[in-house]
Each structure stands twice: as C-alpha cells, then as structure tokens.
C-alpha atoms as a PDB file:
ATOM      1  CA  UNK A   1     -11.924  13.315   9.104  1.00  0.00           C
ATOM      2  CA  UNK A   2     -14.918  11.253   8.728  1.00  0.00           C
ATOM      3  CA  UNK A   3     -13.190   8.862   6.130  1.00  0.00           C
ATOM      4  CA  UNK A   4     -10.120   8.641   8.695  1.00  0.00           C
ATOM      5  CA  UNK A   5     -12.727   7.788  11.555  1.00  0.00           C
ATOM      6  CA  UNK A   6     -14.091   5.160   9.522  1.00  0.00           C
ATOM      7  CA  UNK A   7     -10.915   3.774   8.444  1.00  0.00           C
ATOM      8  CA  UNK A   8      -9.437   3.956  11.802  1.00  0.00           C
ATOM      9  CA  UNK A   9     -12.419   1.657  13.035  1.00  0.00           C
ATOM     10  CA  UNK A  10     -10.857  -1.070  10.897  1.00  0.00           C
ATOM     11  CA  UNK A  11      -6.994  -0.519  12.199  1.00  0.00           C
ATOM     12  CA  UNK A  12      -7.927   0.224  15.828  1.00  0.00           C
ATOM     13  CA  UNK A  13      -7.842  -3.437  17.230  1.00  0.00           C
ATOM     14  CA  UNK A  14      -4.511  -3.990  15.605  1.00  0.00           C
ATOM     15  CA  UNK A  15      -3.073  -0.352  16.893  1.00  0.00           C
ATOM     16  CA  UNK A  16      -4.473  -1.273  20.563  1.00  0.00           C
ATOM     17  CA  UNK A  17      -2.711  -4.681  20.477  1.00  0.00           C
ATOM     18  CA  UNK A  18       0.655  -3.006  19.708  1.00  0.00           C
ATOM     19  CA  UNK A  19       0.350  -0.104  21.905  1.00  0.00           C
ATOM     20  CA  UNK A  20      -2.315  -0.734  24.401  1.00  0.00           C
ATOM     21  CA  UNK A  21      -4.782   1.647  25.708  1.00  0.00           C
ATOM     22  CA  UNK A  22      -2.242   4.293  27.220  1.00  0.00           C
ATOM     23  CA  UNK A  23      -0.283   4.055  24.044  1.00  0.00           C
ATOM     24  CA  UNK A  24      -3.024   4.733  22.007  1.00  0.00           C
ATOM     25  CA  UNK A  25      -4.278   7.510  23.879  1.00  0.00           C
ATOM     26  CA  UNK A  26      -0.790   9.418  23.699  1.00  0.00           C
ATOM     27  CA  UNK A  27      -0.137   8.293  20.043  1.00  0.00           C
ATOM     28  CA  UNK A  28      -3.557   9.868  19.277  1.00  0.00           C
ATOM     29  CA  UNK A  29      -2.699  13.087  20.849  1.00  0.00           C
ATOM     30  CA  UNK A  30       0.534  13.344  18.936  1.00  0.00           C
ATOM     31  CA  UNK A  31      -0.935  12.674  15.620  1.00  0.00           C
ATOM     32  CA  UNK A  32      -3.724  15.190  16.128  1.00  0.00           C
ATOM     33  CA  UNK A  33      -1.167  17.818  17.588  1.00  0.00           C
ATOM     34  CA  UNK A  34       0.588  17.042  14.064  1.00  0.00           C
ATOM     35  CA  UNK A  35      -2.566  17.872  12.171  1.00  0.00           C
ATOM     36  CA  UNK A  36      -3.156  20.935  13.896  1.00  0.00           C
ATOM     37  CA  UNK A  37       0.342  22.219  12.896  1.00  0.00           C
ATOM     38  CA  UNK A  38      -0.277  21.116   9.167  1.00  0.00           C
ATOM     39  CA  UNK A  39      -3.775  23.184   9.623  1.00  0.00           C
ATOM     40  CA  UNK A  40      -1.750  26.129  10.763  1.00  0.00           C
ATOM     41  CA  UNK A  41       1.318  26.535   8.498  1.00  0.00           C
ATOM     42  CA  UNK A  42      -0.077  24.457   5.186  1.00  0.00           C
ATOM     43  CA  UNK A  43      -1.926  26.435   2.496  1.00  0.00           C
ATOM     44  CA  UNK A  44      -2.406  23.682  -0.106  1.00  0.00           C
ATOM     45  CA  UNK A  45      -6.001  22.159   0.096  1.00  0.00           C
ATOM     46  CA  UNK A  46      -4.634  18.635  -1.056  1.00  0.00           C
ATOM     47  CA  UNK A  47      -2.013  18.601   1.892  1.00  0.00           C
ATOM     48  CA  UNK A  48      -4.614  19.677   4.398  1.00  0.00           C
ATOM     49  CA  UNK A  49      -7.038  17.005   3.197  1.00  0.00           C
ATOM     50  CA  UNK A  50      -4.409  14.215   3.313  1.00  0.00           C
ATOM     51  CA  UNK A  51      -3.465  15.206   7.159  1.00  0.00           C
ATOM     52  CA  UNK A  52      -7.334  15.048   7.979  1.00  0.00           C
ATOM     53  CA  UNK A  53      -7.084  11.266   7.565  1.00  0.00           C
ATOM     54  CA  UNK A  54      -4.975  10.516  10.229  1.00  0.00           C
ATOM     55  CA  UNK A  55      -6.829  13.193  12.304  1.00  0.00           C
ATOM     56  CA  UNK A  56      -9.894  11.195  11.893  1.00  0.00           C
ATOM     57  CA  UNK A  57      -8.215   8.174  12.851  1.00  0.00           C
ATOM     58  CA  UNK A  58      -6.665   9.720  15.895  1.00  0.00           C
ATOM     59  CA  UNK A  59      -9.994  11.170  16.794  1.00  0.00           C
ATOM     60  CA  UNK A  60     -11.756   8.118  17.041  1.00  0.00           C
ATOM     61  CA  UNK A  61      -9.005   6.128  18.505  1.00  0.00           C
ATOM     62  CA  UNK A  62      -8.983   8.354  21.793  1.00  0.00           C
ATOM     63  CA  UNK A  63     -12.776   8.496  21.688  1.00  0.00           C
ATOM     64  CA  UNK A  64     -13.346   4.936  21.598  1.00  0.00           C
ATOM     65  CA  UNK A  65     -10.674   4.045  23.986  1.00  0.00           C
ATOM     66  CA  UNK A  66     -11.840   6.340  26.589  1.00  0.00           C
ATOM     67  CA  UNK A  67     -15.608   4.957  26.053  1.00  0.00           C
ATOM     68  CA  UNK A  68     -14.275   1.533  26.435  1.00  0.00           C
ATOM     69  CA  UNK A  69     -12.258   2.538  29.513  1.00  0.00           C
ATOM     70  CA  UNK A  70     -15.158   3.998  31.162  1.00  0.00           C
ATOM     71  CA  UNK A  71     -17.796   1.360  30.339  1.00  0.00           C
ATOM     72  CA  UNK A  72     -15.530  -1.862  31.121  1.00  0.00           C
ATOM     73  CA  UNK A  73     -14.222  -0.338  34.454  1.00  0.00           C
ATOM     74  CA  UNK A  74     -17.354   0.961  36.303  1.00  0.00           C
ATOM     75  CA  UNK A  75     -19.408  -1.416  38.413  1.00  0.00           C
ATOM     76  CA  UNK A  76     -22.939  -1.935  37.161  1.00  0.00           C
ATOM     77  CA  UNK A  77     -24.637   0.017  40.329  1.00  0.00           C
ATOM     78  CA  UNK A  78     -22.959   3.319  39.480  1.00  0.00           C
ATOM     79  CA  UNK A  79     -22.191   2.566  35.406  1.00  0.00           C
ATOM     80  CA  UNK A  80     -25.346   5.022  34.645  1.00  0.00           C
ATOM     81  CA  UNK A  81     -24.013   7.815  36.687  1.00  0.00           C
ATOM     82  CA  UNK A  82     -20.334   7.365  35.818  1.00  0.00           C
ATOM     83  CA  UNK A  83     -21.487   7.412  32.018  1.00  0.00           C
ATOM     84  CA  UNK A  84     -23.264  10.697  32.656  1.00  0.00           C
ATOM     85  CA  UNK A  85     -20.503  12.529  34.587  1.00  0.00           C
ATOM     86  CA  UNK A  86     -18.154  11.246  31.883  1.00  0.00           C
ATOM     87  CA  UNK A  87     -20.026  12.822  29.082  1.00  0.00           C
ATOM     88  CA  UNK A  88     -20.611  15.981  31.055  1.00  0.00           C
ATOM     89  CA  UNK A  89     -17.160  16.542  31.451  1.00  0.00           C
ATOM     90  CA  UNK A  90     -16.611  15.540  27.781  1.00  0.00           C
ATOM     91  CA  UNK A  91     -19.174  17.414  26.251  1.00  0.00           C
ATOM     92  CA  UNK A  92     -19.327  20.492  28.831  1.00  0.00           C
ATOM     93  CA  UNK A  93     -15.253  20.758  28.177  1.00  0.00           C
ATOM     94  CA  UNK A  94     -15.726  21.558  24.636  1.00  0.00           C
ATOM     95  CA  UNK A  95     -18.546  23.754  25.432  1.00  0.00           C
ATOM     96  CA  UNK A  96     -16.742  25.788  27.999  1.00  0.00           C
ATOM     97  CA  UNK A  97     -13.508  25.681  26.060  1.00  0.00           C
ATOM     98  CA  UNK A  98     -14.879  27.023  22.699  1.00  0.00           C
ATOM     99  CA  UNK A  99     -15.215  30.590  23.674  1.00  0.00           C
ATOM    100  CA  UNK A 100     -11.672  30.730  25.287  1.00  0.00           C
ATOM    101  CA  UNK A 101     -10.436  29.351  21.985  1.00  0.00           C
ATOM    102  CA  UNK A 102     -12.409  31.759  20.039  1.00  0.00           C
ATOM    103  CA  UNK A 103     -11.182  34.722  21.967  1.00  0.00           C
ATOM    104  CA  UNK A 104      -7.484  33.495  21.782  1.00  0.00           C
ATOM    105  CA  UNK A 105      -7.783  32.899  17.885  1.00  0.00           C
ATOM    106  CA  UNK A 106      -9.254  36.678  17.569  1.00  0.00           C
ATOM    107  CA  UNK A 107      -6.125  37.919  19.560  1.00  0.00           C
ATOM    108  CA  UNK A 108      -3.418  35.862  18.158  1.00  0.00           C
ATOM    109  CA  UNK A 109      -4.938  34.858  14.805  1.00  0.00           C
ATOM    110  CA  UNK A 110      -5.892  31.282  13.652  1.00  0.00           C
ATOM    111  CA  UNK A 111      -2.684  29.956  12.749  1.00  0.00           C
ATOM    112  CA  UNK A 112      -1.066  30.917  16.186  1.00  0.00           C
ATOM    113  CA  UNK A 113      -3.935  29.495  18.093  1.00  0.00           C
ATOM    114  CA  UNK A 114      -4.003  25.980  16.205  1.00  0.00           C
ATOM    115  CA  UNK A 115      -0.117  25.860  17.140  1.00  0.00           C
ATOM    116  CA  UNK A 116      -1.069  26.414  20.829  1.00  0.00           C
ATOM    117  CA  UNK A 117      -3.777  23.736  20.544  1.00  0.00           C
ATOM    118  CA  UNK A 118      -1.092  21.514  19.034  1.00  0.00           C
ATOM    119  CA  UNK A 119       1.329  22.292  22.087  1.00  0.00           C
ATOM    120  CA  UNK A 120      -1.297  21.555  24.577  1.00  0.00           C
ATOM    121  CA  UNK A 121      -1.910  18.004  22.665  1.00  0.00           C
ATOM    122  CA  UNK A 122       1.557  17.094  23.137  1.00  0.00           C
ATOM    123  CA  UNK A 123       1.158  17.918  26.806  1.00  0.00           C
ATOM    124  CA  UNK A 124      -1.808  15.670  26.884  1.00  0.00           C
ATOM    125  CA  UNK A 125       0.328  13.128  25.299  1.00  0.00           C
ATOM    126  CA  UNK A 126       3.086  13.334  28.053  1.00  0.00           C
ATOM    127  CA  UNK A 127       0.434  13.284  30.834  1.00  0.00           C
ATOM    128  CA  UNK A 128      -0.750   9.862  29.869  1.00  0.00           C
ATOM    129  CA  UNK A 129       2.600   8.635  31.670  1.00  0.00           C
ATOM    130  CA  UNK A 130       1.765  10.526  34.731  1.00  0.00           C
ATOM    131  CA  UNK A 131      -1.880   9.667  34.789  1.00  0.00           C
ATOM    132  CA  UNK A 132      -2.593   6.463  32.616  1.00  0.00           C
ATOM    133  CA  UNK A 133      -5.689   4.557  32.648  1.00  0.00           C
ATOM    134  CA  UNK A 134      -5.765   1.832  35.205  1.00  0.00           C
ATOM    135  CA  UNK A 135      -4.749  -1.573  33.838  1.00  0.00           C
ATOM    136  CA  UNK A 136      -8.120  -3.147  33.108  1.00  0.00           C
ATOM    137  CA  UNK A 137      -6.403  -6.608  34.108  1.00  0.00           C
ATOM    138  CA  UNK A 138      -6.145  -5.227  37.577  1.00  0.00           C
ATOM    139  CA  UNK A 139     -10.055  -4.103  37.926  1.00  0.00           C
ATOM    140  CA  UNK A 140     -12.855  -6.578  37.850  1.00  0.00           C
ATOM    141  CA  UNK A 141     -16.120  -4.844  38.325  1.00  0.00           C
ATOM    142  CA  UNK A 142     -18.127  -8.025  38.899  1.00  0.00           C
ATOM    143  CA  UNK A 143     -20.189  -7.877  42.056  1.00  0.00           C
ATOM    144  CA  UNK A 144     -18.951  -9.765  44.979  1.00  0.00           C
ATOM    145  CA  UNK A 145     -21.702 -10.489  47.659  1.00  0.00           C
ATOM    146  CA  UNK A 146     -19.200 -11.919  50.058  1.00  0.00           C
ATOM    147  CA  UNK A 147     -19.787 -10.105  53.539  1.00  0.00           C
ATOM    148  CA  UNK A 148     -21.928 -12.019  55.814  1.00  0.00           C
ATOM    149  CA  UNK A 149     -25.276 -10.945  57.103  1.00  0.00           C
ATOM    150  CA  UNK A 150     -24.641  -8.562  60.154  1.00  0.00           C
ATOM    151  CA  UNK A 151     -25.235 -10.125  63.166  1.00  0.00           C
ATOM    152  CA  UNK A 152     -27.634  -7.800  65.184  1.00  0.00           C
ATOM    153  CA  UNK A 153     -30.085  -8.486  67.798  1.00  0.00           C
ATOM    154  CA  UNK A 154     -32.785  -5.888  66.279  1.00  0.00           C
ATOM    155  CA  UNK A 155     -33.890  -5.284  63.131  1.00  0.00           C
ATOM    156  CA  UNK A 156     -32.883  -1.540  61.967  1.00  0.00           C
ATOM    157  CA  UNK A 157     -35.034   0.301  59.616  1.00  0.00           C
ATOM    158  CA  UNK A 158     -33.642   1.232  56.295  1.00  0.00           C
ATOM    159  CA  UNK A 159     -33.503   4.930  57.085  1.00  0.00           C
ATOM    160  CA  UNK A 160     -31.773   4.498  60.521  1.00  0.00           C
ATOM    161  CA  UNK A 161     -28.385   6.016  60.792  1.00  0.00           C
ATOM    162  CA  UNK A 162     -25.868   7.140  60.503  1.00  0.00           C
ATOM    163  CA  UNK A 163     -24.092   3.706  61.236  1.00  0.00           C
ATOM    164  CA  UNK A 164     -20.581   3.613  62.413  1.00  0.00           C
ATOM    165  CA  UNK A 165     -18.910   0.320  61.291  1.00  0.00           C
ATOM    166  CA  UNK A 166     -15.876  -0.716  63.191  1.00  0.00           C
ATOM    167  CA  UNK A 167     -13.472  -3.571  62.167  1.00  0.00           C
ATOM    168  CA  UNK A 168     -10.681  -4.914  64.589  1.00  0.00           C
ATOM    169  CA  UNK A 169      -7.616  -6.654  63.094  1.00  0.00           C
ATOM    170  CA  UNK A 170      -4.660  -8.044  65.137  1.00  0.00           C
ATOM    171  CA  UNK A 171      -1.375  -7.546  63.009  1.00  0.00           C
ATOM    172  CA  UNK A 172       2.040  -8.853  64.005  1.00  0.00           C
ATOM    173  CA  UNK A 173       4.727  -6.242  64.324  1.00  0.00           C
ATOM    174  CA  UNK A 174       6.693  -7.416  61.355  1.00  0.00           C
ATOM    175  CA  UNK A 175       3.790  -6.778  59.125  1.00  0.00           C
ATOM    176  CA  UNK A 176       2.398  -3.666  60.469  1.00  0.00           C
ATOM    177  CA  UNK A 177       3.691  -1.352  57.806  1.00  0.00           C
ATOM    178  CA  UNK A 178       2.879  -3.165  54.905  1.00  0.00           C
ATOM    179  CA  UNK A 179      -0.738  -3.917  56.138  1.00  0.00           C
ATOM    180  CA  UNK A 180      -1.252   0.055  56.493  1.00  0.00           C
ATOM    181  CA  UNK A 181      -0.259   0.399  52.966  1.00  0.00           C
ATOM    182  CA  UNK A 182      -2.633  -2.036  51.716  1.00  0.00           C
ATOM    183  CA  UNK A 183      -5.438  -0.633  53.654  1.00  0.00           C
ATOM    184  CA  UNK A 184      -5.092   2.588  51.636  1.00  0.00           C
ATOM    185  CA  UNK A 185      -6.802   0.491  48.919  1.00  0.00           C
ATOM    186  CA  UNK A 186      -9.387  -0.687  51.346  1.00  0.00           C
ATOM    187  CA  UNK A 187     -10.118   2.933  52.382  1.00  0.00           C
ATOM    188  CA  UNK A 188     -10.789   3.913  48.536  1.00  0.00           C
ATOM    189  CA  UNK A 189     -13.150   0.912  48.581  1.00  0.00           C
ATOM    190  CA  UNK A 190     -15.019   1.785  51.537  1.00  0.00           C
ATOM    191  CA  UNK A 191     -15.475   5.469  50.355  1.00  0.00           C
ATOM    192  CA  UNK A 192     -16.362   4.238  46.636  1.00  0.00           C
ATOM    193  CA  UNK A 193     -19.199   2.226  48.039  1.00  0.00           C
ATOM    194  CA  UNK A 194     -20.785   4.540  50.163  1.00  0.00           C
ATOM    195  CA  UNK A 195     -18.731   5.462  53.166  1.00  0.00           C
ATOM    196  CA  UNK A 196     -18.787   9.133  54.063  1.00  0.00           C
ATOM    197  CA  UNK A 197     -15.735   9.325  56.564  1.00  0.00           C
ATOM    198  CA  UNK A 198     -12.870   6.292  57.173  1.00  0.00           C
ATOM    199  CA  UNK A 199      -9.837   5.911  59.519  1.00  0.00           C
ATOM    200  CA  UNK A 200      -7.521   3.257  60.263  1.00  0.00           C
ATOM    201  CA  UNK A 201      -5.919   3.583  63.939  1.00  0.00           C
ATOM    202  CA  UNK A 202      -3.508   1.555  66.004  1.00  0.00           C
ATOM    203  CA  UNK A 203      -4.235   1.006  69.972  1.00  0.00           C
ATOM    204  CA  UNK A 204      -1.840   2.808  71.964  1.00  0.00           C
ATOM    205  CA  UNK A 205      -1.905   0.240  74.695  1.00  0.00           C
ATOM    206  CA  UNK A 206      -1.936  -2.941  72.469  1.00  0.00           C
ATOM    207  CA  UNK A 207       0.375  -1.852  69.261  1.00  0.00           C
ATOM    208  CA  UNK A 208      -0.734  -5.190  67.561  1.00  0.00           C
ATOM    209  CA  UNK A 209      -4.624  -4.031  67.662  1.00  0.00           C
ATOM    210  CA  UNK A 210      -5.694  -1.887  64.645  1.00  0.00           C
ATOM    211  CA  UNK A 211      -9.187  -0.439  64.435  1.00  0.00           C
ATOM    212  CA  UNK A 212     -10.898   0.386  61.098  1.00  0.00           C
ATOM    213  CA  UNK A 213     -13.581   2.851  61.354  1.00  0.00           C
ATOM    214  CA  UNK A 214     -16.176   4.281  58.655  1.00  0.00           C
ATOM    215  CA  UNK A 215     -19.340   5.932  58.944  1.00  0.00           C
ATOM    216  CA  UNK A 216     -22.365   5.527  56.211  1.00  0.00           C
ATOM    217  CA  UNK A 217     -25.285   7.649  56.201  1.00  0.00           C
ATOM    218  CA  UNK A 218     -28.015   4.912  56.721  1.00  0.00           C
ATOM    219  CA  UNK A 219     -28.705   1.266  57.287  1.00  0.00           C
ATOM    220  CA  UNK A 220     -29.882   1.105  53.775  1.00  0.00           C
ATOM    221  CA  UNK A 221     -26.757   2.321  52.172  1.00  0.00           C
ATOM    222  CA  UNK A 222     -24.563  -0.157  54.426  1.00  0.00           C
ATOM    223  CA  UNK A 223     -26.880  -3.097  52.890  1.00  0.00           C
ATOM    224  CA  UNK A 224     -25.966  -1.825  49.455  1.00  0.00           C
ATOM    225  CA  UNK A 225     -22.191  -2.189  50.459  1.00  0.00           C
ATOM    226  CA  UNK A 226     -23.125  -5.703  51.468  1.00  0.00           C
ATOM    227  CA  UNK A 227     -25.339  -6.972  48.634  1.00  0.00           C
ATOM    228  CA  UNK A 228     -24.871  -4.611  45.535  1.00  0.00           C
ATOM    229  CA  UNK A 229     -21.629  -2.390  45.525  1.00  0.00           C
ATOM    230  CA  UNK A 230     -18.827  -4.416  46.398  1.00  0.00           C
ATOM    231  CA  UNK A 231     -16.978  -5.803  43.405  1.00  0.00           C
ATOM    232  CA  UNK A 232     -14.404  -8.787  43.113  1.00  0.00           C
ATOM    233  CA  UNK A 233     -11.684  -5.786  43.107  1.00  0.00           C
ATOM    234  CA  UNK A 234     -13.043  -4.580  46.573  1.00  0.00           C
ATOM    235  CA  UNK A 235     -12.829  -8.234  47.833  1.00  0.00           C
ATOM    236  CA  UNK A 236      -8.973  -8.876  46.283  1.00  0.00           C
ATOM    237  CA  UNK A 237      -7.889  -5.840  48.337  1.00  0.00           C
ATOM    238  CA  UNK A 238      -9.473  -6.746  51.327  1.00  0.00           C
ATOM    239  CA  UNK A 239      -7.982 -10.442  51.118  1.00  0.00           C
ATOM    240  CA  UNK A 240      -4.571  -8.913  50.421  1.00  0.00           C
ATOM    241  CA  UNK A 241      -4.837  -6.727  53.601  1.00  0.00           C
ATOM    242  CA  UNK A 242      -6.074  -9.779  55.737  1.00  0.00           C
ATOM    243  CA  UNK A 243      -3.501 -11.834  54.579  1.00  0.00           C
ATOM    244  CA  UNK A 244      -1.182  -9.954  56.868  1.00  0.00           C
ATOM    245  CA  UNK A 245      -2.968 -10.788  60.071  1.00  0.00           C
ATOM    246  CA  UNK A 246      -1.988 -12.737  62.822  1.00  0.00           C
ATOM    247  CA  UNK A 247      -2.295 -16.355  61.941  1.00  0.00           C
ATOM    248  CA  UNK A 248      -5.709 -17.630  63.663  1.00  0.00           C
ATOM    249  CA  UNK A 249      -7.141 -14.649  64.170  1.00  0.00           C
ATOM    250  CA  UNK A 250     -10.208 -13.034  62.325  1.00  0.00           C
ATOM    251  CA  UNK A 251     -11.573  -9.393  62.080  1.00  0.00           C
ATOM    252  CA  UNK A 252     -14.356  -8.351  64.760  1.00  0.00           C
ATOM    253  CA  UNK A 253     -17.010  -6.200  63.267  1.00  0.00           C
ATOM    254  CA  UNK A 254     -19.296  -4.196  65.056  1.00  0.00           C
ATOM    255  CA  UNK A 255     -22.340  -1.922  63.737  1.00  0.00           C
ATOM    256  CA  UNK A 256     -23.228   0.940  66.031  1.00  0.00           C
ATOM    257  CA  UNK A 257     -26.000   3.369  65.307  1.00  0.00           C
ATOM    258  CA  UNK A 258     -26.482   6.874  66.085  1.00  0.00           C
ATOM    259  CA  UNK A 259     -28.859   7.339  68.996  1.00  0.00           C
ATOM    260  CA  UNK A 260     -29.736  11.186  68.561  1.00  0.00           C
ATOM    261  CA  UNK A 261     -31.283  10.701  65.251  1.00  0.00           C
ATOM    262  CA  UNK A 262     -33.870   8.043  66.487  1.00  0.00           C
ATOM    263  CA  UNK A 263     -32.729   4.616  66.265  1.00  0.00           C
ATOM    264  CA  UNK A 264     -35.066   1.655  65.389  1.00  0.00           C
ATOM    265  CA  UNK A 265     -36.724   0.019  68.410  1.00  0.00           C
ATOM    266  CA  UNK A 266     -34.875  -3.015  69.434  1.00  0.00           C
ATOM    267  CA  UNK A 267     -36.689  -6.298  68.183  1.00  0.00           C
ATOM    268  CA  UNK A 268     -35.179  -9.537  69.190  1.00  0.00           C
ATOM    269  CA  UNK A 269     -33.665 -11.515  66.188  1.00  0.00           C
ATOM    270  CA  UNK A 270     -31.117 -14.377  66.007  1.00  0.00           C
ATOM    271  CA  UNK A 271     -27.684 -12.852  66.274  1.00  0.00           C
ATOM    272  CA  UNK A 272     -25.264 -14.823  64.142  1.00  0.00           C
ATOM    273  CA  UNK A 273     -21.816 -15.359  65.060  1.00  0.00           C
ATOM    274  CA  UNK A 274     -19.159 -12.731  64.385  1.00  0.00           C
ATOM    275  CA  UNK A 275     -18.108 -12.967  60.837  1.00  0.00           C
ATOM    276  CA  UNK A 276     -15.226 -11.355  58.893  1.00  0.00           C
ATOM    277  CA  UNK A 277     -17.145  -9.052  56.747  1.00  0.00           C
ATOM    278  CA  UNK A 278     -18.072  -5.335  57.517  1.00  0.00           C
END
C-alpha cells in the first residue's frame, strides 16, 4: 500500500489530466473494489502484495483529490471551519464504521465482508455521476468586496439585529421565469454568507416587481457579508440575475432593524444614494 501510494504521487498529475477530478474518484473506487475482491478470494501472498500496489495508488488518488477540492473551493473566511468539518466526517466516518464492519466480518466471515465492501465501493464509484465534485473552473473563492456601503441615517451597533434586508427588482414579463431560476443561485449565496432565511416574492399588484428578502442575525454579520464573505462566484451569480432586469433600472435596497430587541439610538450620518448592493 505504501509503495503504491508513493508511486501514485508521481503518476497522479498525468491521471488527473486524463480523467479529471471526478474520473479520478470513480476510477480509484473501482480499483480499490478490485483490490478488496482479490483480498477476499486469493490466498497466494505474492498476488495479494501485487494487488495492494494499485490499492495504494487508488487510496492516495482519492484522498489527494478530495483534499485539493476542499481547499481550493472554500473561501478564506470559512476555510478553517470547512476543513475541520471535512476531517470530522472523514475520520469520524472511519471510526463509526469500524465496529460495524467488524461485527459484519464476525457474522459473515472476512471474505464475505470484503466482497460486500467491494460492492459498496462500486456503488460509490457510480455515485460520482449523480453527485460529482463541482467544476473548479466554475468556483472562484477570491473575495469580492463589491457591495457599496449601506446608506443609513444612523450608525447601528455591531450586535444590533436581526437585520431584514430587502432588494426590489423590476423584471420584464419575458424574463421572469429565467430570473427566478437564476435567483436560486443568489439564494444559496445569501445563506452561505450568513442569511438565516431567504425568500423571493412577486408583487400581486405589479407583476414586474420582485422583492428579495433575507434575514441576518446581526449588523456585524451583514457587514461581514459586505466586506469579507462575498466571493467572485457570488458576484457572478448576482450579475447573471441582474442582467435580466428592466433596462435602465437598478435594485432598490433597504435595511430594516428589529425594534423589539433594542435598536441602536439613531445618530445622524451622511446617507448615500441608493446602491445596487445589499
């Protein structure tokens, strides 16, 4: 296994160029399923040793592909937490599954257990088609500080909230369906960066008027959306949705504070002009 893993480190770049990330995951699962089948059925030590070489290569191929995917797709502000969750799932899954596989081996025998494990690996290979890794070319985690400063007439405290953000769009009739579809990506962006709830509503009296509403737990959380958490990918999804707006119109953004939780004492400041950010 170790020799195969070291050899795999030298061949992986070529494998990824040919198969891509998702192909590498699927191929690694198929190869490792074959290795498990050999371990379950073959008694010759030299054949088992030979089978473990590609097993090590498959192991390192899958592990490095997943590690790279996590690190390159997570934005900087949440990368440490994302890696922690990834490691918890990866290592915790092994710890939780170990006694289950041990019990199964005690019931069916070692060979039967290894064959079942190989079948599960083949299922995992097939699952790559259904749940592939996102294309890295379509994800840019670079920070994008593109929202303008909120035009308020008082300065809220960082703990003030929750904050209800509403964005009004005007969308022509022939673009409504596509606009709604593109806003699903915007919804994921809002939730990913701090929104507790999100909704998109169409005005019953004015069908061209759409209202996006989302709730953020505090003013500090919303400022983090403005200045830290938004990525170039988030900006691209917003731009794609706003391409469909009525020509010459801009989104109208408002920020409302919960008066029941003790809002900030209003202090006059210079209120800017309405912007297109949120």
